[in-house]
Structures are given as C-alpha cells and as structure tokens.
C-alpha cells in the first residue's frame, strides 16, 4: 500500500507528526507548498493520502486545498489530522472533530487529532499576537472557570505535549485496519 502524507506546519509540531507517520507507514512526505505544484497524475499511484495541518480557531489551517482534491480521490483511503495545544483527552477535541468535516466528507475522509503544544518563538507575529491576546483575555476574565484559568496558565508560554503514540490510530486507518478512534 503506497501512502502519501501532505502537511503544513508553522512551528514544527505538525511536521513532526507528519514525519512520524511517513516513517511508520513507509510513506512519502510532501509539504503542502510542494503538493500544490503537483499535477493530478502525481497522486494517482497512492492508495492512501493523509493531510496534516494545525488547529486554529475551530478550523484546520490550509485544509481547503485537501478538501478540493479529496472529492476526486474517493477511491483512496483519505485521512486528515490536525495538531493543537489541547490534550487529546480534552472533551472539546471531540466536538472539534465532529465539526471539522461535513456529513458528506465524513463518508470518505477520517479526521484525527494529535496533541502538540505551542512554540511562541517559531510563531509568525500575527499568530503570536493573537494567542497572547487570547491568553490575556482568559486571564482577565472575571468569571473564568477553573478550566479556563488552567488553559490560560498553560498557554501563557511555550510547551510540548506531542507524543508519537497519537499516530497509531491514523496508521491503522491508513493501512486499512478498522479502528474506532476516527471521526
């Protein structure tokens, strides 16, 4: 089974997961910028194609390209993973995954989440500013819940909670092994 992992990464977490996936599946790894330059013929020989981006504001960054192509790849095993700063066991992650694909897309694409972290030093200025403003808003919220306070504390500085174990459900799906960890 021939697998292609396409990714976009700003601070390195998504790239790390994409590399782990490519290594584990023996698949090819392609940055989104390079994938966008390829003709449609390039993708024909792949049995599985997986897109990886990072979660931001309830969406997966730059996933539009993958969604546009995926409609023509319904004969392949298609997966999408996103990396974010929340732990995998955060209930908000399940809500996010339920909403990231349309009902139609859920028929031929499986979505996964991998906890990553924050790296303020590698973030582009607009993203860094937006995150700092969000953290400040949470910290100054008068009726903040304990969960919100904890989130603000954690997001105030860079951290890394990525773990290779979170690729296992994606690998199983790409290799045709059914699992219940996908949406």
Protein backbone atom coordinates (compact mmCIF):
# COMPACT_ATOMS: atom_id res chain seq x y z
CA UNK A 1 0.00 0.00 0.00
CA UNK A 2 1.50 3.32 -1.07
CA UNK A 3 0.88 6.25 1.28
CA UNK A 4 1.38 10.00 0.91
CA UNK A 5 1.50 12.37 3.87
CA UNK A 6 0.94 16.04 2.99
CA UNK A 7 1.38 18.63 5.70
CA UNK A 8 1.70 22.28 6.56
CA UNK A 9 3.41 23.37 9.74
CA UNK A 10 4.17 26.74 11.30
CA UNK A 11 6.03 25.84 14.46
CA UNK A 12 7.11 22.24 13.82
CA UNK A 13 4.55 20.13 15.67
CA UNK A 14 2.57 19.12 12.57
CA UNK A 15 5.76 18.47 10.62
CA UNK A 16 6.95 16.17 13.44
CA UNK A 17 3.71 14.16 13.34
CA UNK A 18 3.80 14.02 9.52
CA UNK A 19 7.37 12.71 9.63
CA UNK A 20 6.43 10.11 12.25
CA UNK A 21 3.53 8.99 10.03
CA UNK A 22 5.71 8.78 6.92
CA UNK A 23 8.36 6.81 8.81
CA UNK A 24 5.83 4.44 10.36
CA UNK A 25 3.89 3.78 7.12
CA UNK A 26 6.90 3.86 4.80
CA UNK A 27 5.05 6.63 3.01
CA UNK A 28 6.17 9.67 1.11
CA UNK A 29 6.23 13.07 2.81
CA UNK A 30 5.32 16.27 0.99
CA UNK A 31 5.00 19.84 2.22
CA UNK A 32 1.69 21.42 1.16
CA UNK A 33 3.51 24.07 -0.91
CA UNK A 34 5.13 21.30 -2.95
CA UNK A 35 1.90 19.29 -3.19
CA UNK A 36 0.09 22.30 -4.63
CA UNK A 37 2.58 22.34 -7.53
CA UNK A 38 1.95 18.69 -8.49
CA UNK A 39 -0.31 17.65 -11.34
CA UNK A 40 -3.27 15.40 -10.60
CA UNK A 41 -1.35 12.48 -12.17
CA UNK A 42 1.16 12.62 -9.32
CA UNK A 43 -1.45 11.47 -6.77
CA UNK A 44 -2.87 8.59 -8.83
CA UNK A 45 -0.40 5.94 -7.62
CA UNK A 46 -1.19 6.43 -3.94
CA UNK A 47 -3.60 4.14 -2.11
CA UNK A 48 -3.78 6.38 0.97
CA UNK A 49 -3.43 10.14 1.25
CA UNK A 50 -3.30 11.94 4.56
CA UNK A 51 -3.34 15.70 5.12
CA UNK A 52 -1.97 17.30 8.29
CA UNK A 53 -2.46 20.86 9.47
CA UNK A 54 -2.78 22.64 12.76
CA UNK A 55 -5.96 23.52 14.62
CA UNK A 56 -6.73 27.20 14.97
CA UNK A 57 -9.99 28.92 15.89
CA UNK A 58 -12.13 25.84 15.25
CA UNK A 59 -10.62 25.06 11.85
CA UNK A 60 -7.71 23.17 10.34
CA UNK A 61 -5.29 25.60 8.72
CA UNK A 62 -5.00 25.42 4.91
CA UNK A 63 -7.22 22.33 4.63
CA UNK A 64 -9.25 23.84 1.77
CA UNK A 65 -6.80 22.55 -0.84
CA UNK A 66 -7.10 18.99 0.51
CA UNK A 67 -10.89 19.15 0.60
CA UNK A 68 -10.99 20.34 -3.02
CA UNK A 69 -8.77 17.46 -4.15
CA UNK A 70 -10.37 14.81 -1.92
CA UNK A 71 -13.57 14.78 -3.95
CA UNK A 72 -11.56 13.23 -6.80
CA UNK A 73 -9.78 10.75 -4.51
CA UNK A 74 -12.78 8.90 -3.10
CA UNK A 75 -11.28 5.61 -4.30
CA UNK A 76 -8.38 6.09 -1.83
CA UNK A 77 -8.14 5.90 1.97
CA UNK A 78 -8.25 9.55 2.96
CA UNK A 79 -7.36 10.92 6.36
CA UNK A 80 -6.83 14.32 7.85
CA UNK A 81 -5.10 15.04 11.12
CA UNK A 82 -4.68 18.27 12.96
CA UNK A 83 -2.35 19.22 15.73
CA UNK A 84 -3.26 21.57 18.55
CA UNK A 85 -2.33 22.70 22.01
CA UNK A 86 -5.11 20.85 23.82
CA UNK A 87 -4.53 17.37 25.22
CA UNK A 88 -6.18 14.55 23.25
CA UNK A 89 -8.49 13.75 26.18
CA UNK A 90 -9.98 17.27 26.27
CA UNK A 91 -13.74 16.90 25.51
CA UNK A 92 -13.53 19.98 23.25
CA UNK A 93 -11.36 17.95 20.88
CA UNK A 94 -14.22 15.52 20.20
CA UNK A 95 -16.56 18.45 19.49
CA UNK A 96 -13.95 19.96 17.16
CA UNK A 97 -13.52 16.67 15.26
CA UNK A 98 -17.29 16.26 14.88
CA UNK A 99 -17.50 19.66 13.19
CA UNK A 100 -14.34 19.74 11.07
CA UNK A 101 -15.85 17.61 8.28
CA UNK A 102 -19.23 17.91 6.59
CA UNK A 103 -21.54 14.89 6.67
CA UNK A 104 -20.63 14.22 3.03
CA UNK A 105 -16.87 14.43 3.72
CA UNK A 106 -17.24 12.01 6.64
CA UNK A 107 -18.22 9.34 4.08
CA UNK A 108 -14.72 9.29 2.57
CA UNK A 109 -12.36 11.17 4.95
CA UNK A 110 -11.46 10.25 8.53
CA UNK A 111 -10.36 13.02 10.89
CA UNK A 112 -7.87 12.67 13.76
CA UNK A 113 -6.38 14.95 16.39
CA UNK A 114 -2.86 14.90 17.83
CA UNK A 115 -1.86 16.97 20.83
CA UNK A 116 1.15 19.17 20.11
CA UNK A 117 1.72 22.36 22.04
CA UNK A 118 2.76 25.95 21.50
CA UNK A 119 6.07 27.36 20.37
CA UNK A 120 5.83 31.13 20.61
CA UNK A 121 9.40 31.52 19.36
CA UNK A 122 8.53 29.95 16.00
CA UNK A 123 5.07 31.51 15.56
CA UNK A 124 4.61 34.22 13.00
CA UNK A 125 3.94 37.61 14.57
CA UNK A 126 0.18 37.75 13.83
CA UNK A 127 -0.40 34.28 15.32
CA UNK A 128 1.77 35.05 18.35
CA UNK A 129 -0.10 38.32 18.94
CA UNK A 130 -3.50 36.64 18.58
CA UNK A 131 -2.53 33.91 21.06
CA UNK A 132 -1.15 36.39 23.59
CA UNK A 133 -4.37 38.45 23.33
CA UNK A 134 -6.47 35.31 23.80
CA UNK A 135 -4.44 34.30 26.88
CA UNK A 136 -4.71 37.82 28.29
CA UNK A 137 -8.48 37.80 27.78
CA UNK A 138 -8.77 34.46 29.57
CA UNK A 139 -6.56 35.60 32.45
CA UNK A 140 -8.57 38.80 32.93
CA UNK A 141 -12.00 37.17 32.61
CA UNK A 142 -13.89 37.91 35.84
CA UNK A 143 -16.00 34.73 35.86
CA UNK A 144 -13.39 32.38 34.38
CA UNK A 145 -13.92 28.70 35.11
CA UNK A 146 -11.14 26.59 36.59
CA UNK A 147 -10.73 25.01 33.16
CA UNK A 148 -10.27 28.43 31.53
CA UNK A 149 -7.80 29.52 34.21
CA UNK A 150 -5.78 26.36 33.73
CA UNK A 151 -5.83 26.78 29.97
CA UNK A 152 -4.64 30.40 30.24
CA UNK A 153 -1.82 29.36 32.55
CA UNK A 154 -0.65 26.59 30.22
CA UNK A 155 -0.93 28.72 27.07
CA UNK A 156 0.99 31.65 28.56
CA UNK A 157 4.31 30.13 27.48
CA UNK A 158 5.65 27.55 25.04
CA UNK A 159 5.16 23.87 25.81
CA UNK A 160 5.36 20.50 24.05
CA UNK A 161 2.94 17.64 24.79
CA UNK A 162 3.37 15.80 21.49
CA UNK A 163 3.77 12.02 21.61
CA UNK A 164 4.33 9.51 18.81
CA UNK A 165 1.62 7.24 20.27
CA UNK A 166 -1.06 9.54 18.84
CA UNK A 167 -0.23 8.47 15.27
CA UNK A 168 -1.27 4.85 15.90
CA UNK A 169 -4.99 5.29 15.07
CA UNK A 170 -4.02 7.19 11.90
CA UNK A 171 -1.56 4.49 10.86
CA UNK A 172 -4.15 1.78 11.49
CA UNK A 173 -6.69 3.61 9.34
CA UNK A 174 -4.24 4.34 6.50
CA UNK A 175 -3.17 0.70 6.49
CA UNK A 176 -6.78 -0.48 6.30
CA UNK A 177 -7.17 -1.65 9.87
CA UNK A 178 -10.54 -0.53 11.23
CA UNK A 179 -10.49 1.47 14.43
CA UNK A 180 -12.92 3.47 16.50
CA UNK A 181 -10.67 6.48 17.17
CA UNK A 182 -11.54 8.30 13.98
CA UNK A 183 -14.48 10.54 13.32
